[in-house]
Amino acid sequence: MLGSVLNQLMREEGLETPYNEWRLMEAWPEVVGQGIARFTRSTEIRNRTLFVRLTSSVVRQELMSGRKALAYRLNEHVGAQVIENIVFM
């Protein structure tokens, strides 16, 4: 009951999307694993696209091939359709 009231309040106040975006970025290390997360410099979401800055071109290339599946897993982790695409830089 209280959870649904809080969700409705967040939606009405325009806080649901920023909160889900924050949750998705916080989930990055858990979803991709610590091995890949240590090569991540930053993450940012703009226009439903997750931008990930990486320090390894090898990791970047590896992630490029599975980015649709990764976007799906991140959205599933959050329980909402937060992103549609991932750009690795």
N, C-alpha and C. Protein backbone atom coordinates (compact mmCIF):
# COMPACT_ATOMS: atom_id res chain seq x y z
N MET A 1 0.83 -1.19 0.00
CA MET A 1 0.00 0.00 0.00
C MET A 1 0.86 1.25 0.00
N LEU A 2 1.78 1.35 0.96
CA LEU A 2 2.64 2.52 1.04
C LEU A 2 3.54 2.63 -0.18
N GLY A 3 4.03 1.49 -0.66
CA GLY A 3 4.88 1.49 -1.85
C GLY A 3 4.17 2.05 -3.07
N SER A 4 2.91 1.67 -3.25
CA SER A 4 2.17 2.16 -4.41
C SER A 4 1.87 3.65 -4.28
N VAL A 5 1.65 4.12 -3.06
CA VAL A 5 1.42 5.55 -2.84
C VAL A 5 2.70 6.33 -3.16
N LEU A 6 3.83 5.81 -2.71
CA LEU A 6 5.11 6.48 -2.99
C LEU A 6 5.40 6.49 -4.49
N ASN A 7 5.14 5.37 -5.18
CA ASN A 7 5.35 5.32 -6.63
C ASN A 7 4.48 6.33 -7.35
N GLN A 8 3.22 6.45 -6.93
CA GLN A 8 2.32 7.41 -7.57
C GLN A 8 2.79 8.84 -7.30
N LEU A 9 3.22 9.13 -6.09
CA LEU A 9 3.71 10.46 -5.76
C LEU A 9 4.95 10.81 -6.58
N MET A 10 5.88 9.85 -6.70
CA MET A 10 7.08 10.09 -7.50
C MET A 10 6.72 10.34 -8.95
N ARG A 11 5.77 9.59 -9.48
CA ARG A 11 5.34 9.77 -10.87
C ARG A 11 4.72 11.16 -11.05
N GLU A 12 3.85 11.55 -10.13
CA GLU A 12 3.18 12.85 -10.22
C GLU A 12 4.17 14.02 -10.11
N GLU A 13 5.21 13.85 -9.33
CA GLU A 13 6.19 14.92 -9.12
C GLU A 13 7.32 14.89 -10.15
N GLY A 14 7.26 13.94 -11.08
CA GLY A 14 8.29 13.86 -12.11
C GLY A 14 9.61 13.30 -11.62
N LEU A 15 9.57 12.52 -10.56
CA LEU A 15 10.80 11.97 -9.97
C LEU A 15 11.04 10.52 -10.34
N GLU A 16 10.05 9.87 -10.92
CA GLU A 16 10.18 8.44 -11.22
C GLU A 16 11.30 8.17 -12.23
N THR A 17 11.34 8.93 -13.32
CA THR A 17 12.36 8.71 -14.35
C THR A 17 13.77 8.98 -13.82
N PRO A 18 14.03 10.13 -13.17
CA PRO A 18 15.38 10.33 -12.63
C PRO A 18 15.79 9.26 -11.62
N TYR A 19 14.84 8.82 -10.81
CA TYR A 19 15.15 7.78 -9.83
C TYR A 19 15.51 6.47 -10.52
N ASN A 20 14.74 6.07 -11.53
CA ASN A 20 15.04 4.84 -12.26
C ASN A 20 16.36 4.95 -13.01
N GLU A 21 16.67 6.12 -13.56
CA GLU A 21 17.96 6.31 -14.23
C GLU A 21 19.10 6.14 -13.23
N TRP A 22 18.96 6.71 -12.05
CA TRP A 22 19.98 6.57 -11.01
C TRP A 22 20.14 5.11 -10.62
N ARG A 23 19.01 4.40 -10.44
CA ARG A 23 19.07 2.99 -10.08
C ARG A 23 19.78 2.17 -11.16
N LEU A 24 19.53 2.47 -12.42
CA LEU A 24 20.16 1.75 -13.52
C LEU A 24 21.67 1.97 -13.51
N MET A 25 22.09 3.21 -13.33
CA MET A 25 23.53 3.49 -13.31
C MET A 25 24.20 2.84 -12.10
N GLU A 26 23.50 2.81 -10.97
CA GLU A 26 24.04 2.15 -9.78
C GLU A 26 24.13 0.63 -9.98
N ALA A 27 23.26 0.09 -10.83
CA ALA A 27 23.24 -1.36 -11.07
C ALA A 27 24.34 -1.80 -12.04
N TRP A 28 24.97 -0.87 -12.75
CA TRP A 28 25.96 -1.19 -13.76
C TRP A 28 27.00 -2.21 -13.26
N PRO A 29 27.69 -1.97 -12.13
CA PRO A 29 28.72 -2.95 -11.69
C PRO A 29 28.15 -4.33 -11.40
N GLU A 30 26.96 -4.38 -10.85
CA GLU A 30 26.35 -5.67 -10.52
C GLU A 30 25.96 -6.43 -11.79
N VAL A 31 25.43 -5.73 -12.78
CA VAL A 31 24.96 -6.37 -14.00
C VAL A 31 26.12 -6.82 -14.88
N VAL A 32 27.13 -5.96 -15.05
CA VAL A 32 28.25 -6.31 -15.93
C VAL A 32 29.34 -7.07 -15.21
N GLY A 33 29.37 -7.01 -13.89
CA GLY A 33 30.41 -7.67 -13.11
C GLY A 33 31.56 -6.73 -12.81
N GLN A 34 32.25 -7.02 -11.75
CA GLN A 34 33.34 -6.16 -11.30
C GLN A 34 34.51 -6.12 -12.29
N GLY A 35 34.72 -7.22 -13.00
CA GLY A 35 35.82 -7.26 -13.97
C GLY A 35 35.68 -6.20 -15.04
N ILE A 36 34.47 -6.02 -15.55
CA ILE A 36 34.23 -4.99 -16.57
C ILE A 36 34.04 -3.64 -15.92
N ALA A 37 33.38 -3.61 -14.77
CA ALA A 37 33.11 -2.33 -14.09
C ALA A 37 34.39 -1.56 -13.76
N ARG A 38 35.47 -2.26 -13.51
CA ARG A 38 36.71 -1.54 -13.16
C ARG A 38 37.29 -0.78 -14.35
N PHE A 39 36.85 -1.10 -15.57
CA PHE A 39 37.29 -0.35 -16.75
C PHE A 39 36.32 0.78 -17.10
N THR A 40 35.30 0.96 -16.28
CA THR A 40 34.29 2.00 -16.51
C THR A 40 34.70 3.27 -15.80
N ARG A 41 34.76 4.36 -16.56
CA ARG A 41 35.07 5.66 -15.97
C ARG A 41 33.82 6.38 -15.52
N SER A 42 32.80 6.38 -16.36
CA SER A 42 31.57 7.09 -16.01
C SER A 42 30.40 6.56 -16.82
N THR A 43 29.21 6.80 -16.28
CA THR A 43 27.98 6.47 -16.99
C THR A 43 27.06 7.68 -16.90
N GLU A 44 26.28 7.86 -17.93
CA GLU A 44 25.35 8.99 -17.99
C GLU A 44 24.19 8.59 -18.90
N ILE A 45 23.00 9.01 -18.57
CA ILE A 45 21.83 8.73 -19.41
C ILE A 45 21.30 10.05 -19.96
N ARG A 46 21.17 10.06 -21.30
CA ARG A 46 20.56 11.21 -22.00
C ARG A 46 19.64 10.67 -23.07
N ASN A 47 18.42 11.15 -23.09
CA ASN A 47 17.44 10.77 -24.11
C ASN A 47 17.31 9.24 -24.25
N ARG A 48 17.19 8.57 -23.12
CA ARG A 48 16.99 7.11 -23.06
C ARG A 48 18.18 6.31 -23.63
N THR A 49 19.34 6.97 -23.70
CA THR A 49 20.57 6.31 -24.14
C THR A 49 21.58 6.36 -23.00
N LEU A 50 22.15 5.20 -22.68
CA LEU A 50 23.18 5.11 -21.66
C LEU A 50 24.53 5.31 -22.34
N PHE A 51 25.27 6.31 -21.89
CA PHE A 51 26.62 6.57 -22.39
C PHE A 51 27.60 6.05 -21.35
N VAL A 52 28.50 5.17 -21.79
CA VAL A 52 29.47 4.55 -20.89
C VAL A 52 30.86 4.86 -21.40
N ARG A 53 31.65 5.52 -20.56
CA ARG A 53 33.04 5.82 -20.90
C ARG A 53 33.91 4.73 -20.31
N LEU A 54 34.68 4.08 -21.18
CA LEU A 54 35.53 2.95 -20.78
C LEU A 54 37.00 3.29 -20.98
N THR A 55 37.86 2.63 -20.21
CA THR A 55 39.30 2.86 -20.33
C THR A 55 39.99 1.79 -21.17
N SER A 56 39.25 0.80 -21.62
CA SER A 56 39.83 -0.29 -22.40
C SER A 56 39.11 -0.45 -23.73
N SER A 57 39.85 -0.36 -24.82
CA SER A 57 39.25 -0.55 -26.14
C SER A 57 38.83 -2.01 -26.35
N VAL A 58 39.53 -2.93 -25.71
CA VAL A 58 39.18 -4.35 -25.82
C VAL A 58 37.83 -4.60 -25.15
N VAL A 59 37.63 -4.05 -23.96
CA VAL A 59 36.35 -4.20 -23.26
C VAL A 59 35.25 -3.50 -24.05
N ARG A 60 35.54 -2.34 -24.58
CA ARG A 60 34.56 -1.60 -25.38
C ARG A 60 34.08 -2.46 -26.55
N GLN A 61 35.02 -3.05 -27.27
CA GLN A 61 34.67 -3.89 -28.43
C GLN A 61 33.86 -5.10 -28.01
N GLU A 62 34.23 -5.71 -26.89
CA GLU A 62 33.51 -6.87 -26.39
C GLU A 62 32.06 -6.51 -26.03
N LEU A 63 31.87 -5.36 -25.40
CA LEU A 63 30.53 -4.94 -24.99
C LEU A 63 29.67 -4.51 -26.18
N MET A 64 30.29 -4.00 -27.22
CA MET A 64 29.54 -3.53 -28.40
C MET A 64 28.69 -4.65 -29.00
N SER A 65 29.23 -5.83 -29.05
CA SER A 65 28.51 -6.94 -29.69
C SER A 65 27.28 -7.39 -28.91
N GLY A 66 27.25 -7.13 -27.62
CA GLY A 66 26.12 -7.57 -26.81
C GLY A 66 25.35 -6.44 -26.16
N ARG A 67 25.39 -5.26 -26.76
CA ARG A 67 24.78 -4.11 -26.09
C ARG A 67 23.27 -4.16 -26.00
N LYS A 68 22.59 -4.78 -26.97
CA LYS A 68 21.12 -4.88 -26.87
C LYS A 68 20.73 -5.79 -25.70
N ALA A 69 21.42 -6.91 -25.57
CA ALA A 69 21.15 -7.82 -24.45
C ALA A 69 21.50 -7.16 -23.12
N LEU A 70 22.56 -6.37 -23.10
CA LEU A 70 22.96 -5.68 -21.89
C LEU A 70 21.93 -4.63 -21.50
N ALA A 71 21.41 -3.88 -22.46
CA ALA A 71 20.36 -2.90 -22.20
C ALA A 71 19.13 -3.59 -21.62
N TYR A 72 18.79 -4.73 -22.18
CA TYR A 72 17.65 -5.51 -21.68
C TYR A 72 17.88 -5.92 -20.23
N ARG A 73 19.08 -6.44 -19.93
CA ARG A 73 19.38 -6.89 -18.56
C ARG A 73 19.36 -5.73 -17.57
N LEU A 74 19.87 -4.57 -17.98
CA LEU A 74 19.86 -3.40 -17.09
C LEU A 74 18.42 -2.96 -16.81
N ASN A 75 17.61 -2.89 -17.85
CA ASN A 75 16.20 -2.51 -17.67
C ASN A 75 15.47 -3.52 -16.79
N GLU A 76 15.74 -4.79 -17.00
CA GLU A 76 15.13 -5.84 -16.18
C GLU A 76 15.52 -5.69 -14.72
N HIS A 77 16.77 -5.37 -14.48
CA HIS A 77 17.27 -5.21 -13.11
C HIS A 77 16.51 -4.09 -12.39
N VAL A 78 16.23 -3.01 -13.11
CA VAL A 78 15.53 -1.87 -12.54
C VAL A 78 14.02 -2.12 -12.49
N GLY A 79 13.52 -2.93 -13.42
CA GLY A 79 12.10 -3.19 -13.48
C GLY A 79 11.33 -2.14 -14.24
N ALA A 80 12.04 -1.43 -15.13
CA ALA A 80 11.40 -0.38 -15.93
C ALA A 80 12.18 -0.21 -17.23
N GLN A 81 11.51 0.30 -18.25
CA GLN A 81 12.15 0.57 -19.55
C GLN A 81 12.82 1.95 -19.46
N VAL A 82 14.06 1.95 -18.98
CA VAL A 82 14.78 3.20 -18.74
C VAL A 82 15.60 3.61 -19.96
N ILE A 83 16.28 2.64 -20.58
CA ILE A 83 17.13 2.95 -21.73
C ILE A 83 16.72 2.13 -22.94
N GLU A 84 17.02 2.66 -24.10
CA GLU A 84 16.77 1.96 -25.36
C GLU A 84 18.07 1.59 -26.07
N ASN A 85 19.14 2.27 -25.72
CA ASN A 85 20.40 2.07 -26.42
C ASN A 85 21.57 2.32 -25.45
N ILE A 86 22.73 1.79 -25.82
CA ILE A 86 23.96 2.03 -25.06
C ILE A 86 25.03 2.47 -26.05
N VAL A 87 25.74 3.52 -25.70
CA VAL A 87 26.86 4.01 -26.50
C VAL A 87 28.12 3.87 -25.65
N PHE A 88 29.11 3.18 -26.18
CA PHE A 88 30.38 3.01 -25.47
C PHE A 88 31.40 3.97 -26.04
N MET A 89 32.06 4.69 -25.16
CA MET A 89 33.05 5.70 -25.58
C MET A 89 34.40 5.37 -24.97
